[in-house]
Amino acid sequence: MSPLKAACALALATALSLAAAPAHAAGEDPGAWAELNKTYTATGAYAYEPFGVKAEYARTDTCASDPAGGMGYHYVNPEYIGSLDPATPAALLYEDGAAGTRKLVAVEWVVKDEGQDAPTLFGETFQDDQLPGHFTLHAWIYKPNPSGLFAPWNPEVECP
């Protein structure tokens, strides 16, 4: 990549990550956001969906929903399954946006259940009822979730 193209790509990524402001909700623990800063910094560029795909998060066309709300489209990077690093969530969650685009709404960590206790991250215990054989933890850092920052389903996310 030429230096000019690299500089333009960096400028675009920076602008997009700044445009994707964190989704704070009233009543949330501000300490959780201090811990999630590493996640937000590492994933902000993925607000532009092609950057998520380029980072090897596999695009899907199945939108996960439940009567409790939606999760959206899961883009999974298999290399990060099992990670408890705030900067490397296993999945990015997108919802439909304007004119066929997708908007980043949340991130998710996935850990295989091998008989161990559920892991914790950000002081939150992973859930064991969302993906058979796995523990999961969602963080709705790009779209407010009235059900809570770490709730699995967001009633504000709708699937087509």
Protein backbone atom coordinates (compact mmCIF):
# COMPACT_ATOMS: atom_id res chain seq x y z
CA MET A 1 0.00 0.00 0.00
CA SER A 2 1.34 3.43 -0.89
CA PRO A 3 1.98 5.94 1.91
CA LEU A 4 -0.80 8.16 0.57
CA LYS A 5 -3.33 5.29 0.56
CA ALA A 6 -2.24 4.24 4.05
CA ALA A 7 -2.64 7.81 5.34
CA CYS A 8 -6.10 8.09 3.76
CA ALA A 9 -7.17 4.73 5.22
CA LEU A 10 -5.92 5.77 8.66
CA ALA A 11 -7.74 9.11 8.45
CA LEU A 12 -10.97 7.38 7.41
CA ALA A 13 -10.70 4.79 10.19
CA THR A 14 -10.03 7.49 12.76
CA ALA A 15 -12.98 9.57 11.61
CA LEU A 16 -15.30 6.57 11.62
CA SER A 17 -14.19 5.40 15.05
CA LEU A 18 -14.80 8.88 16.44
CA ALA A 19 -18.22 8.99 14.78
CA ALA A 20 -19.19 5.72 16.47
CA ALA A 21 -19.53 7.17 19.94
CA PRO A 22 -20.05 4.79 22.86
CA ALA A 23 -23.68 4.04 23.64
CA HIS A 24 -24.05 5.16 27.24
CA ALA A 25 -27.38 4.58 28.93
CA ALA A 26 -28.79 6.29 31.99
CA GLY A 27 -28.12 4.50 35.25
CA GLU A 28 -25.09 2.53 34.03
CA ASP A 29 -22.00 2.08 36.15
CA PRO A 30 -19.41 4.53 34.79
CA GLY A 31 -16.69 2.13 35.99
CA ALA A 32 -17.80 -0.41 33.38
CA TRP A 33 -17.06 2.13 30.66
CA ALA A 34 -13.59 2.74 32.03
CA GLU A 35 -12.89 -0.99 31.62
CA LEU A 36 -14.57 -1.16 28.21
CA ASN A 37 -12.39 1.63 26.82
CA LYS A 38 -9.89 -0.95 25.51
CA THR A 39 -12.70 -2.72 23.66
CA TYR A 40 -14.11 0.48 22.24
CA THR A 41 -10.68 1.61 21.07
CA ALA A 42 -9.89 -1.76 19.46
CA THR A 43 -13.24 -2.12 17.65
CA GLY A 44 -14.17 1.47 16.76
CA ALA A 45 -12.87 1.20 13.19
CA TYR A 46 -15.26 -1.73 12.61
CA ALA A 47 -18.17 0.72 12.66
CA TYR A 48 -17.35 0.74 8.96
CA GLU A 49 -18.42 -2.84 8.23
CA PRO A 50 -15.82 -3.59 5.50
CA PHE A 51 -13.06 -3.00 8.07
CA GLY A 52 -14.58 -5.72 10.29
CA VAL A 53 -14.60 -8.13 7.36
CA LYS A 54 -11.01 -7.19 6.48
CA ALA A 55 -10.05 -8.01 10.10
CA GLU A 56 -11.31 -11.58 9.43
CA TYR A 57 -14.69 -11.27 11.12
CA ALA A 58 -16.79 -13.47 8.80
CA ARG A 59 -19.94 -11.73 7.54
CA THR A 60 -23.25 -13.51 8.06
CA ASP A 61 -26.72 -12.97 6.68
CA THR A 62 -28.65 -14.49 9.58
CA CYS A 63 -30.05 -11.96 12.04
CA ALA A 64 -30.50 -13.37 15.56
CA SER A 65 -33.74 -12.40 17.28
CA ASP A 66 -35.90 -13.48 20.20
CA PRO A 67 -39.12 -12.20 21.80
CA ALA A 68 -36.80 -10.35 24.24
CA GLY A 69 -35.23 -8.42 21.33
CA GLY A 70 -32.49 -8.85 18.78
CA MET A 71 -28.76 -9.37 18.67
CA GLY A 72 -28.33 -8.65 14.98
CA TYR A 73 -25.89 -10.20 12.54
CA HIS A 74 -22.91 -11.95 14.15
CA TYR A 75 -19.56 -11.54 12.41
CA VAL A 76 -17.23 -14.08 14.04
CA ASN A 77 -13.45 -14.28 14.04
CA PRO A 78 -12.72 -17.92 15.05
CA GLU A 79 -9.20 -16.95 16.17
CA TYR A 80 -10.73 -15.01 19.07
CA ILE A 81 -13.07 -17.70 20.39
CA GLY A 82 -11.83 -18.36 23.90
CA SER A 83 -10.31 -14.89 24.29
CA LEU A 84 -10.88 -12.98 27.51
CA ASP A 85 -8.92 -10.01 26.19
CA PRO A 86 -11.11 -6.89 26.09
CA ALA A 87 -9.48 -5.90 22.78
CA THR A 88 -10.33 -9.14 20.96
CA PRO A 89 -14.03 -10.02 21.14
CA ALA A 90 -14.93 -13.13 19.13
CA ALA A 91 -17.89 -11.46 17.43
CA LEU A 92 -19.06 -8.10 16.16
CA LEU A 93 -22.83 -7.55 16.07
CA TYR A 94 -24.39 -5.41 13.34
CA GLU A 95 -27.92 -4.33 12.49
CA ASP A 96 -29.35 -3.14 9.20
CA GLY A 97 -28.64 0.49 8.44
CA ALA A 98 -29.60 2.89 5.67
CA ALA A 99 -29.28 1.95 2.00
CA GLY A 100 -28.11 -1.62 2.57
CA THR A 101 -25.36 -0.76 5.05
CA ARG A 102 -24.90 -2.35 8.45
CA LYS A 103 -24.26 -0.53 11.72
CA LEU A 104 -22.09 -1.90 14.52
CA VAL A 105 -24.18 -2.22 17.69
CA ALA A 106 -22.31 -4.57 20.05
CA VAL A 107 -19.43 -6.98 20.58
CA GLU A 108 -19.42 -10.48 22.05
CA TRP A 109 -16.90 -12.79 23.69
CA VAL A 110 -17.34 -16.55 23.26
CA VAL A 111 -15.62 -19.23 25.36
CA LYS A 112 -16.10 -22.97 24.88
CA ASP A 113 -17.71 -24.68 27.88
CA GLU A 114 -15.38 -27.53 28.82
CA GLY A 115 -16.88 -28.14 32.25
CA GLN A 116 -15.23 -25.12 33.90
CA ASP A 117 -17.04 -22.38 35.80
CA ALA A 118 -18.35 -19.55 33.65
CA PRO A 119 -15.60 -16.98 33.04
CA THR A 120 -15.91 -13.33 34.01
CA LEU A 121 -14.89 -10.15 32.23
CA PHE A 122 -15.55 -6.55 33.30
CA GLY A 123 -16.90 -7.97 36.56
CA GLU A 124 -19.67 -9.76 34.61
CA THR A 125 -20.21 -13.52 34.53
CA PHE A 126 -20.64 -15.01 31.07
CA GLN A 127 -24.01 -16.58 30.22
CA ASP A 128 -24.37 -20.26 29.43
CA ASP A 129 -27.81 -20.27 27.81
CA GLN A 130 -27.25 -18.40 24.54
CA LEU A 131 -25.01 -20.70 22.48
CA PRO A 132 -24.99 -24.44 23.26
CA GLY A 133 -21.61 -25.63 24.54
CA HIS A 134 -20.31 -22.09 24.99
CA PHE A 135 -20.32 -19.18 27.42
CA THR A 136 -21.05 -15.74 25.96
CA LEU A 137 -20.87 -12.13 27.06
CA HIS A 138 -22.31 -9.23 25.07
CA ALA A 139 -21.39 -5.58 25.46
CA TRP A 140 -23.73 -3.07 23.82
CA ILE A 141 -21.14 -0.35 23.43
CA TYR A 142 -22.39 1.11 20.14
CA LYS A 143 -26.16 1.10 20.73
CA PRO A 144 -27.90 1.65 24.06
CA ASN A 145 -29.69 -1.40 25.42
CA PRO A 146 -32.61 -0.70 27.77
CA SER A 147 -32.12 -4.23 29.14
CA GLY A 148 -28.57 -3.42 30.24
CA LEU A 149 -25.06 -2.96 28.92
CA PHE A 150 -24.25 -6.70 29.16
CA ALA A 151 -27.71 -8.17 28.43
CA PRO A 152 -27.84 -10.75 25.63
CA TRP A 153 -30.87 -9.30 23.81
CA ASN A 154 -31.58 -5.70 22.90
CA PRO A 155 -35.26 -4.77 22.42
CA GLU A 156 -34.11 -1.85 20.22
CA VAL A 157 -32.53 -4.21 17.63
CA GLU A 158 -34.94 -5.57 15.04
CA CYS A 159 -34.31 -8.27 12.48
CA PRO A 160 -35.95 -8.12 9.05
